[in-house]
Amino acid sequence: MDKIINENNVKTALSNTMAESIHIVTRQIRNIILVTDEAGLRAEKEKLDKARATYDKAREDLEKFPASEKGRAIRKAIDEAAQAAREENNKVIELGMINKNAEATALLLTKAAPLVAKWQDAIDDNLQLQVENNEADAKAASEAYSQARNLMFILGGIAILMGLGIAFWVTRSITQPLSIAMDTAKKIADGDLSSNIQATSTDETGQLLAAMKAMTDTLKGVLAETDVLIKAAAVGDLDTIADANKYQGDFRKLLTGVNDIVRNIAEPMKVTSGYIDQIAKGVIPSQITTDYKGEYLVIRNNLNGLIKMMSDLLAQTDIIIQGAAVGELDKRADAEMFQGGWK
């Protein structure tokens, strides 16, 4: 879409400018043939020269854009046709400027006009090429949109299945052991991970107890990792993260997700603390332009409001300072711009 707007459409506009300039030149040539007084001839010639300059500028701008092999061939055809037509047009103009109008008219009709028509046809070919390019680029954009939309549907479906799978796995890991090791499973269900599970047999009960022991150990590890994050966050240390690589599967995903949450909190908090630190040191920073959501957006807007207020306050006090510096003691700040203690 960017190519359509910023390249194809600009090429179309430049080609239209070139075509319109040719029409103007053709009209002015005919006027030169019709006008007989010297002042009128000079005026028409000036209009013609201006139209040619407009064409040359548009052609120069067109060359700044890349072109396909077909596009380069069309541009070459335009330039060749332009050279041929201008040579004959110049002859017609020379005859018209010395009032040899009959000869100028004959040359215009027999040679110059057909060459100009060929010139216009070449420009029309370039216009048609931009139409074809737009159609191809629009089709590509539509296909890209469809692919992205389908990918989002697929990812959404996978996310739902993963959520259902995790829920199913958690349910089974709690309910199945209850029939074999009721007491231990109840403690786990109640959040008590202090049980010392011993799995000595190799039968189904032993395998179940071994699995429960492994699960308990893993949960203890996950809780220990999250406890590190909680304690660090409690003292304002947002750089601490859990070691998700010690775990596998969904436990790794869980800790990775917690780490992501901490990072998402840390980034705007660090920005906020950095800005407040600058303001505290007397430095008024530029406003925050990062696109935040929710409460982070509220914090950003409030901080930007503070930055604007401080900038306005410095600007107003500067009025008084500059006035005092030159002895203008009647200068006053506009206190009505502010509220509360600042007012």
C-alpha atoms as a PDB file:
ATOM      1  CA  MET A   1       0.000   0.000   0.000  1.00  0.00           C
ATOM      2  CA  ASP A   2       2.924   2.318   0.716  1.00  0.00           C
ATOM      3  CA  LYS A   3       4.225   1.667  -2.808  1.00  0.00           C
ATOM      4  CA  ILE A   4       0.802   2.450  -4.302  1.00  0.00           C
ATOM      5  CA  ILE A   5       0.513   5.740  -2.422  1.00  0.00           C
ATOM      6  CA  ASN A   6       4.085   7.000  -2.386  1.00  0.00           C
ATOM      7  CA  GLU A   7       5.392   5.632  -5.684  1.00  0.00           C
ATOM      8  CA  ASN A   8       2.777   4.496  -8.213  1.00  0.00           C
ATOM      9  CA  ASN A   9       0.383   7.376  -7.608  1.00  0.00           C
ATOM     10  CA  VAL A  10       3.214   9.915  -7.674  1.00  0.00           C
ATOM     11  CA  LYS A  11       4.416   8.481 -10.988  1.00  0.00           C
ATOM     12  CA  THR A  12       0.865   8.804 -12.302  1.00  0.00           C
ATOM     13  CA  ALA A  13       0.668  12.441 -11.194  1.00  0.00           C
ATOM     14  CA  LEU A  14       4.027  13.247 -12.802  1.00  0.00           C
ATOM     15  CA  SER A  15       2.969  11.540 -16.051  1.00  0.00           C
ATOM     16  CA  ASN A  16      -0.269  13.542 -16.064  1.00  0.00           C
ATOM     17  CA  THR A  17       1.738  16.730 -15.520  1.00  0.00           C
ATOM     18  CA  MET A  18       3.946  15.832 -18.470  1.00  0.00           C
ATOM     19  CA  ALA A  19       0.924  15.112 -20.663  1.00  0.00           C
ATOM     20  CA  GLU A  20      -0.778  18.364 -19.679  1.00  0.00           C
ATOM     21  CA  SER A  21       2.427  20.307 -20.385  1.00  0.00           C
ATOM     22  CA  ILE A  22       2.530  18.808 -23.901  1.00  0.00           C
ATOM     23  CA  HIS A  23      -1.079  19.927 -24.457  1.00  0.00           C
ATOM     24  CA  ILE A  24      -0.168  23.443 -23.345  1.00  0.00           C
ATOM     25  CA  VAL A  25       2.901  23.536 -25.618  1.00  0.00           C
ATOM     26  CA  THR A  26       0.800  22.351 -28.573  1.00  0.00           C
ATOM     27  CA  ARG A  27      -1.785  25.028 -27.878  1.00  0.00           C
ATOM     28  CA  GLN A  28       0.850  27.747 -27.587  1.00  0.00           C
ATOM     29  CA  ILE A  29       2.453  26.659 -30.882  1.00  0.00           C
ATOM     30  CA  ARG A  30      -0.906  27.083 -32.593  1.00  0.00           C
ATOM     31  CA  ASN A  31      -1.303  30.497 -30.954  1.00  0.00           C
ATOM     32  CA  ILE A  32       2.136  31.526 -32.222  1.00  0.00           C
ATOM     33  CA  ILE A  33       0.995  30.624 -35.747  1.00  0.00           C
ATOM     34  CA  LEU A  34      -2.189  32.665 -35.315  1.00  0.00           C
ATOM     35  CA  VAL A  35      -0.707  35.721 -33.579  1.00  0.00           C
ATOM     36  CA  THR A  36       1.129  38.178 -35.846  1.00  0.00           C
ATOM     37  CA  ASP A  37       2.229  41.072 -33.600  1.00  0.00           C
ATOM     38  CA  GLU A  38       5.657  40.862 -31.944  1.00  0.00           C
ATOM     39  CA  ALA A  39       4.425  41.459 -28.383  1.00  0.00           C
ATOM     40  CA  GLY A  40       1.810  38.738 -28.700  1.00  0.00           C
ATOM     41  CA  LEU A  41       4.374  36.318 -30.083  1.00  0.00           C
ATOM     42  CA  ARG A  42       6.734  36.952 -27.168  1.00  0.00           C
ATOM     43  CA  ALA A  43       3.922  36.398 -24.653  1.00  0.00           C
ATOM     44  CA  GLU A  44       2.904  33.118 -26.243  1.00  0.00           C
ATOM     45  CA  LYS A  45       6.549  32.008 -26.413  1.00  0.00           C
ATOM     46  CA  GLU A  46       6.991  32.720 -22.695  1.00  0.00           C
ATOM     47  CA  LYS A  47       3.967  30.532 -21.888  1.00  0.00           C
ATOM     48  CA  LEU A  48       5.385  27.802 -24.095  1.00  0.00           C
ATOM     49  CA  ASP A  49       8.791  27.948 -22.384  1.00  0.00           C
ATOM     50  CA  LYS A  50       7.110  27.772 -18.962  1.00  0.00           C
ATOM     51  CA  ALA A  51       5.145  24.670 -19.994  1.00  0.00           C
ATOM     52  CA  ARG A  52       8.339  23.021 -21.284  1.00  0.00           C
ATOM     53  CA  ALA A  53      10.080  23.785 -17.970  1.00  0.00           C
ATOM     54  CA  THR A  54       7.172  22.173 -16.111  1.00  0.00           C
ATOM     55  CA  TYR A  55       7.492  19.087 -18.306  1.00  0.00           C
ATOM     56  CA  ASP A  56      11.249  18.882 -17.776  1.00  0.00           C
ATOM     57  CA  LYS A  57      10.844  19.152 -14.003  1.00  0.00           C
ATOM     58  CA  ALA A  58       8.190  16.405 -13.941  1.00  0.00           C
ATOM     59  CA  ARG A  59      10.359  14.155 -16.139  1.00  0.00           C
ATOM     60  CA  GLU A  60      13.347  14.755 -13.860  1.00  0.00           C
ATOM     61  CA  ASP A  61      11.270  13.863 -10.775  1.00  0.00           C
ATOM     62  CA  LEU A  62       9.952  10.729 -12.490  1.00  0.00           C
ATOM     63  CA  GLU A  63      13.508   9.510 -13.071  1.00  0.00           C
ATOM     64  CA  LYS A  64      14.110   9.564  -9.299  1.00  0.00           C
ATOM     65  CA  PHE A  65      11.741   6.616  -8.899  1.00  0.00           C
ATOM     66  CA  PRO A  66      12.827   3.042  -9.671  1.00  0.00           C
ATOM     67  CA  ALA A  67      11.373   1.361 -12.721  1.00  0.00           C
ATOM     68  CA  SER A  68      10.918  -2.163 -13.982  1.00  0.00           C
ATOM     69  CA  GLU A  69      12.415  -3.309 -17.279  1.00  0.00           C
ATOM     70  CA  LYS A  70       9.138  -2.438 -18.979  1.00  0.00           C
ATOM     71  CA  GLY A  71       9.049   0.921 -17.230  1.00  0.00           C
ATOM     72  CA  ARG A  72      12.583   1.769 -18.337  1.00  0.00           C
ATOM     73  CA  ALA A  73      11.665   0.880 -21.919  1.00  0.00           C
ATOM     74  CA  ILE A  74       8.626   3.164 -21.769  1.00  0.00           C
ATOM     75  CA  ARG A  75      10.689   6.012 -20.333  1.00  0.00           C
ATOM     76  CA  LYS A  76      13.191   5.576 -23.140  1.00  0.00           C
ATOM     77  CA  ALA A  77      10.366   5.669 -25.688  1.00  0.00           C
ATOM     78  CA  ILE A  78       9.016   8.857 -24.049  1.00  0.00           C
ATOM     79  CA  ASP A  79      12.399  10.574 -24.238  1.00  0.00           C
ATOM     80  CA  GLU A  80      13.000   9.526 -27.850  1.00  0.00           C
ATOM     81  CA  ALA A  81       9.528  10.689 -28.856  1.00  0.00           C
ATOM     82  CA  ALA A  82      10.054  13.930 -26.946  1.00  0.00           C
ATOM     83  CA  GLN A  83      13.322  14.657 -28.735  1.00  0.00           C
ATOM     84  CA  ALA A  84      11.835  13.981 -32.148  1.00  0.00           C
ATOM     85  CA  ALA A  85       8.689  16.005 -31.508  1.00  0.00           C
ATOM     86  CA  ARG A  86      10.558  18.944 -29.993  1.00  0.00           C
ATOM     87  CA  GLU A  87      12.848  19.177 -32.998  1.00  0.00           C
ATOM     88  CA  GLU A  88       9.885  19.555 -35.355  1.00  0.00           C
ATOM     89  CA  ASN A  89       8.040  21.807 -32.896  1.00  0.00           C
ATOM     90  CA  ASN A  90      11.071  24.106 -32.759  1.00  0.00           C
ATOM     91  CA  LYS A  91      10.993  24.408 -36.528  1.00  0.00           C
ATOM     92  CA  VAL A  92       7.296  25.284 -36.402  1.00  0.00           C
ATOM     93  CA  ILE A  93       7.981  27.855 -33.666  1.00  0.00           C
ATOM     94  CA  GLU A  94      10.802  29.454 -35.688  1.00  0.00           C
ATOM     95  CA  LEU A  95       8.514  29.810 -38.711  1.00  0.00           C
ATOM     96  CA  GLY A  96       5.674  31.173 -36.582  1.00  0.00           C
ATOM     97  CA  MET A  97       7.905  33.739 -34.841  1.00  0.00           C
ATOM     98  CA  ILE A  98       8.787  35.250 -38.246  1.00  0.00           C
ATOM     99  CA  ASN A  99       5.141  35.058 -39.351  1.00  0.00           C
ATOM    100  CA  LYS A 100       5.634  32.358 -41.964  1.00  0.00           C
ATOM    101  CA  ASN A 101       2.338  30.975 -40.797  1.00  0.00           C
ATOM    102  CA  ALA A 102       1.387  28.960 -43.848  1.00  0.00           C
ATOM    103  CA  GLU A 103       4.663  27.061 -43.809  1.00  0.00           C
ATOM    104  CA  ALA A 104       4.413  26.643 -40.018  1.00  0.00           C
ATOM    105  CA  THR A 105       0.885  25.265 -40.311  1.00  0.00           C
ATOM    106  CA  ALA A 106       1.865  22.779 -42.981  1.00  0.00           C
ATOM    107  CA  LEU A 107       4.856  21.556 -40.971  1.00  0.00           C
ATOM    108  CA  LEU A 108       2.713  21.298 -37.839  1.00  0.00           C
ATOM    109  CA  LEU A 109       0.061  19.191 -39.504  1.00  0.00           C
ATOM    110  CA  THR A 110       2.332  16.941 -41.526  1.00  0.00           C
ATOM    111  CA  LYS A 111       5.246  16.276 -39.173  1.00  0.00           C
ATOM    112  CA  ALA A 112       5.068  17.900 -35.755  1.00  0.00           C
ATOM    113  CA  ALA A 113       1.519  16.868 -34.781  1.00  0.00           C
ATOM    114  CA  PRO A 114       2.012  13.135 -35.548  1.00  0.00           C
ATOM    115  CA  LEU A 115       5.232  13.134 -33.550  1.00  0.00           C
ATOM    116  CA  VAL A 116       3.491  14.851 -30.630  1.00  0.00           C
ATOM    117  CA  ALA A 117       0.733  12.251 -30.793  1.00  0.00           C
ATOM    118  CA  LYS A 118       3.362   9.512 -30.621  1.00  0.00           C
ATOM    119  CA  TRP A 119       4.883  11.325 -27.643  1.00  0.00           C
ATOM    120  CA  GLN A 120       1.516  11.418 -25.884  1.00  0.00           C
ATOM    121  CA  ASP A 121       0.966   7.738 -26.639  1.00  0.00           C
ATOM    122  CA  ALA A 122       4.242   6.887 -24.900  1.00  0.00           C
ATOM    123  CA  ILE A 123       3.154   8.841 -21.823  1.00  0.00           C
ATOM    124  CA  ASP A 124      -0.234   7.087 -21.938  1.00  0.00           C
ATOM    125  CA  ASP A 125       1.655   3.774 -21.917  1.00  0.00           C
ATOM    126  CA  ASN A 126       3.389   4.884 -18.725  1.00  0.00           C
ATOM    127  CA  LEU A 127       0.056   5.838 -17.172  1.00  0.00           C
ATOM    128  CA  GLN A 128      -1.353   2.423 -18.072  1.00  0.00           C
ATOM    129  CA  LEU A 129       1.718   0.783 -16.522  1.00  0.00           C
ATOM    130  CA  GLN A 130       1.020   2.566 -13.221  1.00  0.00           C
ATOM    131  CA  VAL A 131      -2.569   1.299 -13.336  1.00  0.00           C
ATOM    132  CA  GLU A 132      -1.244  -2.239 -13.795  1.00  0.00           C
ATOM    133  CA  ASN A 133       1.289  -1.747 -10.989  1.00  0.00           C
ATOM    134  CA  ASN A 134      -1.443  -0.491  -8.673  1.00  0.00           C
ATOM    135  CA  GLU A 135      -3.602  -3.504  -9.434  1.00  0.00           C
ATOM    136  CA  ALA A 136      -0.692  -5.892  -8.778  1.00  0.00           C
ATOM    137  CA  ASP A 137       0.330  -4.128  -5.556  1.00  0.00           C
ATOM    138  CA  ALA A 138      -3.268  -3.965  -4.331  1.00  0.00           C
ATOM    139  CA  LYS A 139      -3.625  -7.696  -4.962  1.00  0.00           C
ATOM    140  CA  ALA A 140      -0.396  -8.366  -3.045  1.00  0.00           C
ATOM    141  CA  ALA A 141      -1.592  -6.219  -0.143  1.00  0.00           C
ATOM    142  CA  SER A 142      -4.912  -8.075  -0.067  1.00  0.00           C
ATOM    143  CA  GLU A 143      -3.154 -11.435  -0.078  1.00  0.00           C
ATOM    144  CA  ALA A 144      -0.823 -10.322   2.713  1.00  0.00           C
ATOM    145  CA  TYR A 145      -3.816  -9.185   4.754  1.00  0.00           C
ATOM    146  CA  SER A 146      -5.584 -12.508   4.229  1.00  0.00           C
ATOM    147  CA  GLN A 147      -2.476 -14.453   5.234  1.00  0.00           C
ATOM    148  CA  ALA A 148      -2.013 -12.336   8.356  1.00  0.00           C
ATOM    149  CA  ARG A 149      -5.680 -12.722   9.283  1.00  0.00           C
ATOM    150  CA  ASN A 150      -5.535 -16.499   8.843  1.00  0.00           C
ATOM    151  CA  LEU A 151      -2.341 -16.654  10.890  1.00  0.00           C
ATOM    152  CA  MET A 152      -4.026 -14.727  13.700  1.00  0.00           C
ATOM    153  CA  PHE A 153      -6.967 -17.158  13.644  1.00  0.00           C
ATOM    154  CA  ILE A 154      -4.569 -20.106  13.780  1.00  0.00           C
ATOM    155  CA  LEU A 155      -2.559 -18.617  16.633  1.00  0.00           C
ATOM    156  CA  GLY A 156      -5.769 -17.805  18.494  1.00  0.00           C
ATOM    157  CA  GLY A 157      -6.960 -21.376  18.070  1.00  0.00           C
ATOM    158  CA  ILE A 158      -3.620 -22.724  19.281  1.00  0.00           C
ATOM    159  CA  ALA A 159      -3.750 -20.438  22.309  1.00  0.00           C
ATOM    160  CA  ILE A 160      -7.249 -21.665  23.193  1.00  0.00           C
ATOM    161  CA  LEU A 161      -6.195 -25.305  22.798  1.00  0.00           C
ATOM    162  CA  MET A 162      -3.126 -24.703  24.930  1.00  0.00           C
ATOM    163  CA  GLY A 163      -5.261 -23.093  27.610  1.00  0.00           C
ATOM    164  CA  LEU A 164      -7.702 -26.011  27.562  1.00  0.00           C
ATOM    165  CA  GLY A 165      -4.811 -28.469  27.570  1.00  0.00           C
ATOM    166  CA  ILE A 166      -3.182 -26.860  30.598  1.00  0.00           C
ATOM    167  CA  ALA A 167      -6.509 -26.793  32.437  1.00  0.00           C
ATOM    168  CA  PHE A 168      -7.113 -30.465  31.600  1.00  0.00           C
ATOM    169  CA  TRP A 169      -3.596 -31.448  32.689  1.00  0.00           C
ATOM    170  CA  VAL A 170      -3.894 -29.604  36.015  1.00  0.00           C
ATOM    171  CA  THR A 171      -7.272 -31.231  36.672  1.00  0.00           C
ATOM    172  CA  ARG A 172      -5.967 -34.736  35.968  1.00  0.00           C
ATOM    173  CA  SER A 173      -2.798 -34.185  38.018  1.00  0.00           C
ATOM    174  CA  ILE A 174      -4.973 -33.370  41.030  1.00  0.00           C
ATOM    175  CA  THR A 175      -7.930 -35.742  40.669  1.00  0.00           C
ATOM    176  CA  GLN A 176      -6.184 -39.009  39.694  1.00  0.00           C
ATOM    177  CA  PRO A 177      -3.795 -39.196  42.662  1.00  0.00           C
ATOM    178  CA  LEU A 178      -6.726 -38.732  45.071  1.00  0.00           C
ATOM    179  CA  SER A 179      -7.868 -42.321  44.562  1.00  0.00           C
ATOM    180  CA  ILE A 180      -4.422 -43.757  45.430  1.00  0.00           C
ATOM    181  CA  ALA A 181      -2.817 -41.250  47.831  1.00  0.00           C
ATOM    182  CA  MET A 182      -5.718 -39.303  49.328  1.00  0.00           C
ATOM    183  CA  ASP A 183      -3.896 -37.678  52.186  1.00  0.00           C
ATOM    184  CA  THR A 184      -0.916 -36.470  50.184  1.00  0.00           C
ATOM    185  CA  ALA A 185      -3.049 -35.238  47.321  1.00  0.00           C
ATOM    186  CA  LYS A 186      -5.299 -33.342  49.739  1.00  0.00           C
ATOM    187  CA  LYS A 187      -2.280 -31.542  51.200  1.00  0.00           C
ATOM    188  CA  ILE A 188      -1.147 -30.548  47.724  1.00  0.00           C
ATOM    189  CA  ALA A 189      -4.665 -29.399  46.870  1.00  0.00           C
ATOM    190  CA  ASP A 190      -4.630 -27.302  50.069  1.00  0.00           C
ATOM    191  CA  GLY A 191      -1.320 -25.702  49.098  1.00  0.00           C
ATOM    192  CA  ASP A 192       0.797 -27.712  51.500  1.00  0.00           C
ATOM    193  CA  LEU A 193       3.941 -28.877  49.729  1.00  0.00           C
ATOM    194  CA  SER A 194       5.740 -30.033  52.843  1.00  0.00           C
ATOM    195  CA  SER A 195       4.834 -33.701  52.397  1.00  0.00           C
ATOM    196  CA  ASN A 196       7.793 -36.044  52.080  1.00  0.00           C
ATOM    197  CA  ILE A 197       6.536 -38.499  49.489  1.00  0.00           C
ATOM    198  CA  GLN A 198       8.303 -41.853  49.361  1.00  0.00           C
ATOM    199  CA  ALA A 199       7.896 -43.930  46.221  1.00  0.00           C
ATOM    200  CA  THR A 200       9.453 -47.352  46.762  1.00  0.00           C
ATOM    201  CA  SER A 201       7.347 -49.644  44.585  1.00  0.00           C
ATOM    202  CA  THR A 202       7.280 -49.886  40.856  1.00  0.00           C
ATOM    203  CA  ASP A 203       3.605 -50.706  40.456  1.00  0.00           C
ATOM    204  CA  GLU A 204       0.976 -48.225  39.379  1.00  0.00           C
ATOM    205  CA  THR A 205       0.678 -46.817  42.911  1.00  0.00           C
ATOM    206  CA  GLY A 206       4.437 -46.356  43.139  1.00  0.00           C
ATOM    207  CA  GLN A 207       4.551 -44.728  39.739  1.00  0.00           C
ATOM    208  CA  LEU A 208       1.762 -42.402  40.812  1.00  0.00           C
ATOM    209  CA  LEU A 209       3.562 -41.485  44.037  1.00  0.00           C
ATOM    210  CA  ALA A 210       6.814 -40.941  42.131  1.00  0.00           C
ATOM    211  CA  ALA A 211       4.990 -38.664  39.723  1.00  0.00           C
ATOM    212  CA  MET A 212       3.399 -36.787  42.645  1.00  0.00           C
ATOM    213  CA  LYS A 213       6.823 -36.395  44.269  1.00  0.00           C
ATOM    214  CA  ALA A 214       8.289 -35.039  41.046  1.00  0.00           C
ATOM    215  CA  MET A 215       5.330 -32.693  40.699  1.00  0.00           C
ATOM    216  CA  THR A 216       5.720 -31.518  44.280  1.00  0.00           C
ATOM    217  CA  ASP A 217       9.425 -30.852  43.806  1.00  0.00           C
ATOM    218  CA  THR A 218       8.754 -28.934  40.613  1.00  0.00           C
ATOM    219  CA  LEU A 219       6.008 -26.875  42.233  1.00  0.00           C
ATOM    220  CA  LYS A 220       8.340 -26.073  45.115  1.00  0.00           C
ATOM    221  CA  GLY A 221      10.914 -24.883  42.639  1.00  0.00           C
ATOM    222  CA  VAL A 222       8.379 -22.773  40.736  1.00  0.00           C
ATOM    223  CA  LEU A 223       7.121 -21.259  43.995  1.00  0.00           C
ATOM    224  CA  ALA A 224      10.702 -20.536  45.043  1.00  0.00           C
ATOM    225  CA  GLU A 225      11.347 -18.759  41.745  1.00  0.00           C
ATOM    226  CA  THR A 226       8.138 -16.718  41.976  1.00  0.00           C
ATOM    227  CA  ASP A 227       8.927 -15.930  45.632  1.00  0.00           C
ATOM    228  CA  VAL A 228      12.232 -14.427  44.480  1.00  0.00           C
ATOM    229  CA  LEU A 229      10.325 -12.213  42.049  1.00  0.00           C
ATOM    230  CA  ILE A 230       7.768 -11.210  44.693  1.00  0.00           C
ATOM    231  CA  LYS A 231      10.447 -10.254  47.235  1.00  0.00           C
ATOM    232  CA  ALA A 232      12.440  -8.366  44.619  1.00  0.00           C
ATOM    233  CA  ALA A 233       9.353  -6.488  43.425  1.00  0.00           C
ATOM    234  CA  ALA A 234       8.490  -5.643  47.057  1.00  0.00           C
ATOM    235  CA  VAL A 235      11.758  -3.721  47.408  1.00  0.00           C
ATOM    236  CA  GLY A 236      11.541  -2.156  43.941  1.00  0.00           C
ATOM    237  CA  ASP A 237      14.034  -4.454  42.214  1.00  0.00           C
ATOM    238  CA  LEU A 238      12.403  -5.000  38.835  1.00  0.00           C
ATOM    239  CA  ASP A 239      15.561  -6.315  37.169  1.00  0.00           C
ATOM    240  CA  THR A 240      15.322  -9.677  38.941  1.00  0.00           C
ATOM    241  CA  ILE A 241      13.786 -12.475  36.834  1.00  0.00           C
ATOM    242  CA  ALA A 242      13.064 -16.127  37.407  1.00  0.00           C
ATOM    243  CA  ASP A 243      15.304 -18.818  35.918  1.00  0.00           C
ATOM    244  CA  ALA A 244      12.781 -20.368  33.541  1.00  0.00           C
ATOM    245  CA  ASN A 245      15.460 -22.494  31.862  1.00  0.00           C
ATOM    246  CA  LYS A 246      15.544 -24.806  34.897  1.00  0.00           C
ATOM    247  CA  TYR A 247      12.090 -26.075  33.952  1.00  0.00           C
ATOM    248  CA  GLN A 248      10.364 -27.574  30.963  1.00  0.00           C
ATOM    249  CA  GLY A 249       6.994 -27.525  29.263  1.00  0.00           C
ATOM    250  CA  ASP A 250       4.228 -25.475  30.805  1.00  0.00           C
ATOM    251  CA  PHE A 251       6.221 -24.645  33.939  1.00  0.00           C
ATOM    252  CA  ARG A 252       8.803 -22.925  31.766  1.00  0.00           C
ATOM    253  CA  LYS A 253       5.978 -21.120  29.947  1.00  0.00           C
ATOM    254  CA  LEU A 254       4.508 -20.054  33.307  1.00  0.00           C
ATOM    255  CA  LEU A 255       7.785 -18.574  34.572  1.00  0.00           C
ATOM    256  CA  THR A 256       8.533 -17.065  31.167  1.00  0.00           C
ATOM    257  CA  GLY A 257       5.116 -15.405  31.283  1.00  0.00           C
ATOM    258  CA  VAL A 258       5.797 -14.056  34.798  1.00  0.00           C
ATOM    259  CA  ASN A 259       9.164 -12.725  33.610  1.00  0.00           C
ATOM    260  CA  ASP A 260       7.409 -11.006  30.717  1.00  0.00           C
ATOM    261  CA  ILE A 261       4.944  -9.402  33.122  1.00  0.00           C
ATOM    262  CA  VAL A 262       7.807  -8.079  35.260  1.00  0.00           C
ATOM    263  CA  ARG A 263       9.601  -6.721  32.175  1.00  0.00           C
ATOM    264  CA  ASN A 264       6.400  -5.069  30.935  1.00  0.00           C
ATOM    265  CA  ILE A 265       6.038  -3.373  34.317  1.00  0.00           C
ATOM    266  CA  ALA A 266       9.718  -2.497  34.616  1.00  0.00           C
ATOM    267  CA  GLU A 267      10.043  -0.703  31.273  1.00  0.00           C
ATOM    268  CA  PRO A 268       7.423   2.048  31.862  1.00  0.00           C
ATOM    269  CA  MET A 269       8.456   2.320  35.531  1.00  0.00           C
ATOM    270  CA  LYS A 270      12.086   2.897  34.536  1.00  0.00           C
ATOM    271  CA  VAL A 271      11.003   5.489  31.997  1.00  0.00           C
ATOM    272  CA  THR A 272       8.877   7.201  34.651  1.00  0.00           C
ATOM    273  CA  SER A 273      11.619   7.158  37.300  1.00  0.00           C
ATOM    274  CA  GLY A 274      14.162   8.423  34.755  1.00  0.00           C
ATOM    275  CA  TYR A 275      11.951  11.345  33.775  1.00  0.00           C
ATOM    276  CA  ILE A 276      11.171  12.212  37.385  1.00  0.00           C
ATOM    277  CA  ASP A 277      14.906  12.057  38.163  1.00  0.00           C
ATOM    278  CA  GLN A 278      15.625  14.492  35.310  1.00  0.00           C
ATOM    279  CA  ILE A 279      12.907  16.871  36.509  1.00  0.00           C
ATOM    280  CA  ALA A 280      14.267  16.656  40.069  1.00  0.00           C
ATOM    281  CA  LYS A 281      17.693  17.674  38.740  1.00  0.00           C
ATOM    282  CA  GLY A 282      16.245  20.666  36.910  1.00  0.00           C
ATOM    283  CA  VAL A 283      16.209  19.074  33.460  1.00  0.00           C
ATOM    284  CA  ILE A 284      12.881  19.347  31.637  1.00  0.00           C
ATOM    285  CA  PRO A 285      12.842  16.402  29.198  1.00  0.00           C
ATOM    286  CA  SER A 286      10.822  16.082  26.034  1.00  0.00           C
ATOM    287  CA  GLN A 287       7.391  14.533  26.310  1.00  0.00           C
ATOM    288  CA  ILE A 288       6.977  10.750  26.279  1.00  0.00           C
ATOM    289  CA  THR A 289       5.666   9.508  22.947  1.00  0.00           C
ATOM    290  CA  THR A 290       5.693   5.743  23.582  1.00  0.00           C
ATOM    291  CA  ASP A 291       2.249   4.187  23.055  1.00  0.00           C
ATOM    292  CA  TYR A 292       1.227   2.690  26.401  1.00  0.00           C
ATOM    293  CA  LYS A 293      -2.095   1.163  27.436  1.00  0.00           C
ATOM    294  CA  GLY A 294      -4.268   1.227  30.561  1.00  0.00           C
ATOM    295  CA  GLU A 295      -2.765   2.666  33.739  1.00  0.00           C
ATOM    296  CA  TYR A 296       0.594   3.088  32.018  1.00  0.00           C
ATOM    297  CA  LEU A 297      -1.114   5.473  29.601  1.00  0.00           C
ATOM    298  CA  VAL A 298      -2.546   7.419  32.566  1.00  0.00           C
ATOM    299  CA  ILE A 299       0.937   7.656  34.115  1.00  0.00           C
ATOM    300  CA  ARG A 300       2.416   8.763  30.777  1.00  0.00           C
ATOM    301  CA  ASN A 301      -0.262  11.431  30.249  1.00  0.00           C
ATOM    302  CA  ASN A 302       0.125  12.721  33.815  1.00  0.00           C
ATOM    303  CA  LEU A 303       3.910  12.857  33.449  1.00  0.00           C
ATOM    304  CA  ASN A 304       3.587  14.625  30.093  1.00  0.00           C
ATOM    305  CA  GLY A 305       1.213  17.073  31.782  1.00  0.00           C
ATOM    306  CA  LEU A 306       3.837  17.710  34.470  1.00  0.00           C
ATOM    307  CA  ILE A 307       6.515  18.230  31.809  1.00  0.00           C
ATOM    308  CA  LYS A 308       4.289  20.720  29.947  1.00  0.00           C
ATOM    309  CA  MET A 309       3.413  22.523  33.179  1.00  0.00           C
ATOM    310  CA  MET A 310       7.094  22.801  34.162  1.00  0.00           C
ATOM    311  CA  SER A 311       7.982  24.054  30.675  1.00  0.00           C
ATOM    312  CA  ASP A 312       5.177  26.630  30.849  1.00  0.00           C
ATOM    313  CA  LEU A 313       6.255  27.634  34.354  1.00  0.00           C
ATOM    314  CA  LEU A 314       9.859  28.178  33.218  1.00  0.00           C
ATOM    315  CA  ALA A 315       8.637  30.122  30.193  1.00  0.00           C
ATOM    316  CA  GLN A 316       6.520  32.405  32.391  1.00  0.00           C
ATOM    317  CA  THR A 317       9.271  32.998  34.939  1.00  0.00           C
ATOM    318  CA  ASP A 318      11.647  33.682  32.076  1.00  0.00           C
ATOM    319  CA  ILE A 319       9.390  36.575  31.062  1.00  0.00           C
ATOM    320  CA  ILE A 320       9.917  38.169  34.480  1.00  0.00           C
ATOM    321  CA  ILE A 321      13.662  37.405  34.494  1.00  0.00           C
ATOM    322  CA  GLN A 322      14.200  38.903  31.054  1.00  0.00           C
ATOM    323  CA  GLY A 323      12.104  41.949  31.988  1.00  0.00           C
ATOM    324  CA  ALA A 324      14.068  42.490  35.199  1.00  0.00           C
ATOM    325  CA  ALA A 325      17.335  42.137  33.285  1.00  0.00           C
ATOM    326  CA  VAL A 326      16.461  45.159  31.174  1.00  0.00           C
ATOM    327  CA  GLY A 327      14.705  47.122  33.919  1.00  0.00           C
ATOM    328  CA  GLU A 328      11.142  46.381  32.792  1.00  0.00           C
ATOM    329  CA  LEU A 329       9.736  45.723  36.278  1.00  0.00           C
ATOM    330  CA  ASP A 330       6.127  45.821  35.125  1.00  0.00           C
ATOM    331  CA  LYS A 331       6.474  42.426  33.420  1.00  0.00           C
ATOM    332  CA  ARG A 332       4.216  39.788  34.970  1.00  0.00           C
ATOM    333  CA  ALA A 333       3.762  36.048  34.489  1.00  0.00           C
ATOM    334  CA  ASP A 334       0.355  34.665  33.479  1.00  0.00           C
ATOM    335  CA  ALA A 335      -0.594  32.933  36.739  1.00  0.00           C
ATOM    336  CA  GLU A 336      -4.007  31.989  35.331  1.00  0.00           C
ATOM    337  CA  MET A 337      -2.311  29.292  33.222  1.00  0.00           C
ATOM    338  CA  PHE A 338      -1.642  27.291  36.407  1.00  0.00           C
ATOM    339  CA  GLN A 339      -3.524  25.758  39.308  1.00  0.00           C
ATOM    340  CA  GLY A 340      -2.970  25.056  42.993  1.00  0.00           C
ATOM    341  CA  GLY A 341       0.450  25.727  44.485  1.00  0.00           C
ATOM    342  CA  TRP A 342       1.932  26.459  41.068  1.00  0.00           C
ATOM    343  CA  LYS A 343      -0.606  29.295  40.636  1.00  0.00           C
END
